Amino acid sequence: MSSTRYDQGMATRRAVLGTAHVDRAEAAKTEMDTAFQALITEGAWGTVWASEGIAQRERSMLTLALLAALGNFDEIPMHIRATARTGASRTDVIEAFQHVAIYAGVPRANHALKLAKQTYAEMEAEAAAQSPEEETQR
């Protein structure tokens, strides 16, 4: 499958989630979810995320807030990792989850924040493991 929207979606998806993540997802595709993956690539990534209407930083914050507010916690770590590419800071994420607490409920925001903390800790550990020379030079 290739269309302009699909190709734009793959480019945007790689820019936001990282090539390694997208390559793993593509390798895991089966006949059962190929059409679904195309739908997501064209709709979410090729239309919504590719839109120039708002910056990726804001899109990241909105996505995290919506995932938390709706209780879709499985995708929060993936989108926390994406903040390294979208420009959304930890402060931005905290602010988004505080909005969730007020408008959608403290338990959902609390769980989202727990996932964010775990994911940031994993990201820091991965970064430290990738560049041990840099750590000893500091």
Protein backbone atom coordinates (compact mmCIF):
# COMPACT_ATOMS: atom_id res chain seq x y z
CA MET A 1 0.00 0.00 0.00
CA SER A 2 1.33 3.36 -0.96
CA SER A 3 -0.40 6.67 -1.31
CA THR A 4 0.64 10.22 -0.64
CA ARG A 5 -1.22 10.21 2.68
CA TYR A 6 0.26 6.83 3.65
CA ASP A 7 3.78 7.94 2.74
CA GLN A 8 3.34 11.18 4.70
CA GLY A 9 1.98 9.16 7.60
CA MET A 10 4.99 6.87 7.65
CA ALA A 11 7.36 9.83 7.53
CA THR A 12 5.53 11.60 10.36
CA ARG A 13 5.24 8.41 12.39
CA ARG A 14 8.99 7.84 12.10
CA ALA A 15 9.73 11.46 13.02
CA VAL A 16 7.56 11.30 16.13
CA LEU A 17 7.99 7.72 17.35
CA GLY A 18 11.44 6.95 15.98
CA THR A 19 12.54 4.64 13.20
CA ALA A 20 13.32 1.72 15.53
CA HIS A 21 9.80 1.76 17.00
CA VAL A 22 8.14 1.94 13.58
CA ASP A 23 10.39 -0.81 12.20
CA ARG A 24 9.41 -3.09 15.11
CA ALA A 25 5.73 -2.33 14.57
CA GLU A 26 6.01 -2.95 10.84
CA ALA A 27 7.81 -6.26 11.41
CA ALA A 28 5.04 -7.37 13.78
CA LYS A 29 2.24 -6.71 11.26
CA THR A 30 0.20 -9.69 10.17
CA GLU A 31 -2.59 -10.23 7.68
CA MET A 32 -4.97 -9.64 10.57
CA ASP A 33 -3.89 -6.06 11.29
CA THR A 34 -2.43 -4.79 8.00
CA ALA A 35 -5.58 -2.85 7.06
CA PHE A 36 -5.84 -1.43 10.59
CA GLN A 37 -2.20 -0.29 10.51
CA ALA A 38 -2.81 1.40 7.14
CA LEU A 39 -5.84 3.19 8.61
CA ILE A 40 -3.78 4.48 11.54
CA THR A 41 -0.87 5.47 9.31
CA GLU A 42 -3.09 7.43 6.93
CA GLY A 43 -5.57 8.85 9.45
CA ALA A 44 -3.61 9.51 12.62
CA TRP A 45 -0.15 10.06 11.20
CA GLY A 46 -0.81 11.17 7.61
CA THR A 47 -3.67 13.52 8.43
CA VAL A 48 -3.79 14.58 12.09
CA TRP A 49 -0.13 14.45 13.12
CA ALA A 50 1.01 15.74 9.71
CA SER A 51 -1.23 18.81 9.91
CA GLU A 52 0.56 22.10 10.30
CA GLY A 53 -2.33 23.56 12.32
CA ILE A 54 -0.51 23.13 15.63
CA ALA A 55 3.05 22.19 16.53
CA GLN A 56 4.05 18.64 17.41
CA ARG A 57 4.80 19.79 20.98
CA GLU A 58 1.16 20.77 21.50
CA ARG A 59 -0.06 17.68 19.66
CA SER A 60 2.03 15.57 22.03
CA MET A 61 0.51 17.26 25.08
CA LEU A 62 -3.02 16.85 23.70
CA THR A 63 -2.44 13.21 22.88
CA LEU A 64 -1.10 12.41 26.34
CA ALA A 65 -3.94 14.26 28.04
CA LEU A 66 -6.56 12.50 25.91
CA LEU A 67 -5.02 9.08 26.43
CA ALA A 68 -5.00 9.63 30.20
CA ALA A 69 -8.48 11.17 30.32
CA LEU A 70 -9.96 8.25 28.41
CA GLY A 71 -8.01 5.64 30.39
CA ASN A 72 -6.03 4.44 27.35
CA PHE A 73 -2.91 3.88 29.40
CA ASP A 74 -1.17 1.34 27.14
CA GLU A 75 -0.08 4.04 24.69
CA ILE A 76 1.15 6.56 27.26
CA PRO A 77 4.72 5.19 27.48
CA MET A 78 5.06 5.29 23.68
CA HIS A 79 3.93 8.91 23.61
CA ILE A 80 6.15 9.85 26.57
CA ARG A 81 9.08 8.50 24.57
CA ALA A 82 7.89 10.56 21.60
CA THR A 83 8.24 13.78 23.62
CA ALA A 84 12.00 13.51 23.07
CA ARG A 85 11.25 14.19 19.39
CA THR A 86 8.22 16.49 19.63
CA GLY A 87 9.70 18.99 22.05
CA ALA A 88 7.15 18.50 24.83
CA SER A 89 9.04 18.87 28.11
CA ARG A 90 8.45 17.08 31.38
CA THR A 91 6.84 20.27 32.63
CA ASP A 92 4.48 20.20 29.64
CA VAL A 93 3.54 16.61 30.45
CA ILE A 94 2.94 17.42 34.12
CA GLU A 95 0.74 20.37 33.14
CA ALA A 96 -1.25 18.19 30.73
CA PHE A 97 -1.83 15.56 33.41
CA GLN A 98 -2.88 18.25 35.92
CA HIS A 99 -5.59 19.26 33.46
CA VAL A 100 -6.61 15.62 33.28
CA ALA A 101 -6.86 15.49 37.08
CA ILE A 102 -9.24 18.45 37.18
CA TYR A 103 -11.35 17.68 34.11
CA ALA A 104 -11.29 13.88 33.92
CA GLY A 105 -10.32 12.61 37.35
CA VAL A 106 -7.42 12.31 39.74
CA PRO A 107 -7.06 8.50 39.49
CA ARG A 108 -6.51 8.65 35.72
CA ALA A 109 -4.03 11.50 36.00
CA ASN A 110 -2.25 9.75 38.86
CA HIS A 111 -1.85 6.54 36.85
CA ALA A 112 -0.68 8.47 33.78
CA LEU A 113 1.90 10.31 35.88
CA LYS A 114 3.10 6.99 37.32
CA LEU A 115 3.59 5.66 33.78
CA ALA A 116 5.38 8.84 32.73
CA LYS A 117 7.78 8.60 35.67
CA GLN A 118 8.55 4.96 34.87
CA THR A 119 9.08 5.72 31.20
CA TYR A 120 11.34 8.71 31.83
CA ALA A 121 13.41 6.56 34.23
CA GLU A 122 13.73 3.86 31.54
CA MET A 123 14.74 6.47 28.96
CA GLU A 124 17.42 7.82 31.31
CA ALA A 125 18.75 4.31 31.99
CA GLU A 126 18.84 3.54 28.26
CA ALA A 127 20.68 6.79 27.53
CA ALA A 128 23.22 6.07 30.27
CA ALA A 129 23.77 2.53 28.97
CA GLN A 130 24.34 3.82 25.42
CA SER A 131 27.02 6.31 26.36
CA PRO A 132 28.97 5.16 29.43
CA GLU A 133 32.06 7.17 28.37
CA GLU A 134 30.06 10.40 28.53
CA GLU A 135 28.89 9.61 32.05
CA THR A 136 32.45 9.06 33.34
CA GLN A 137 33.67 12.26 31.68
CA ARG A 138 31.13 14.43 33.48
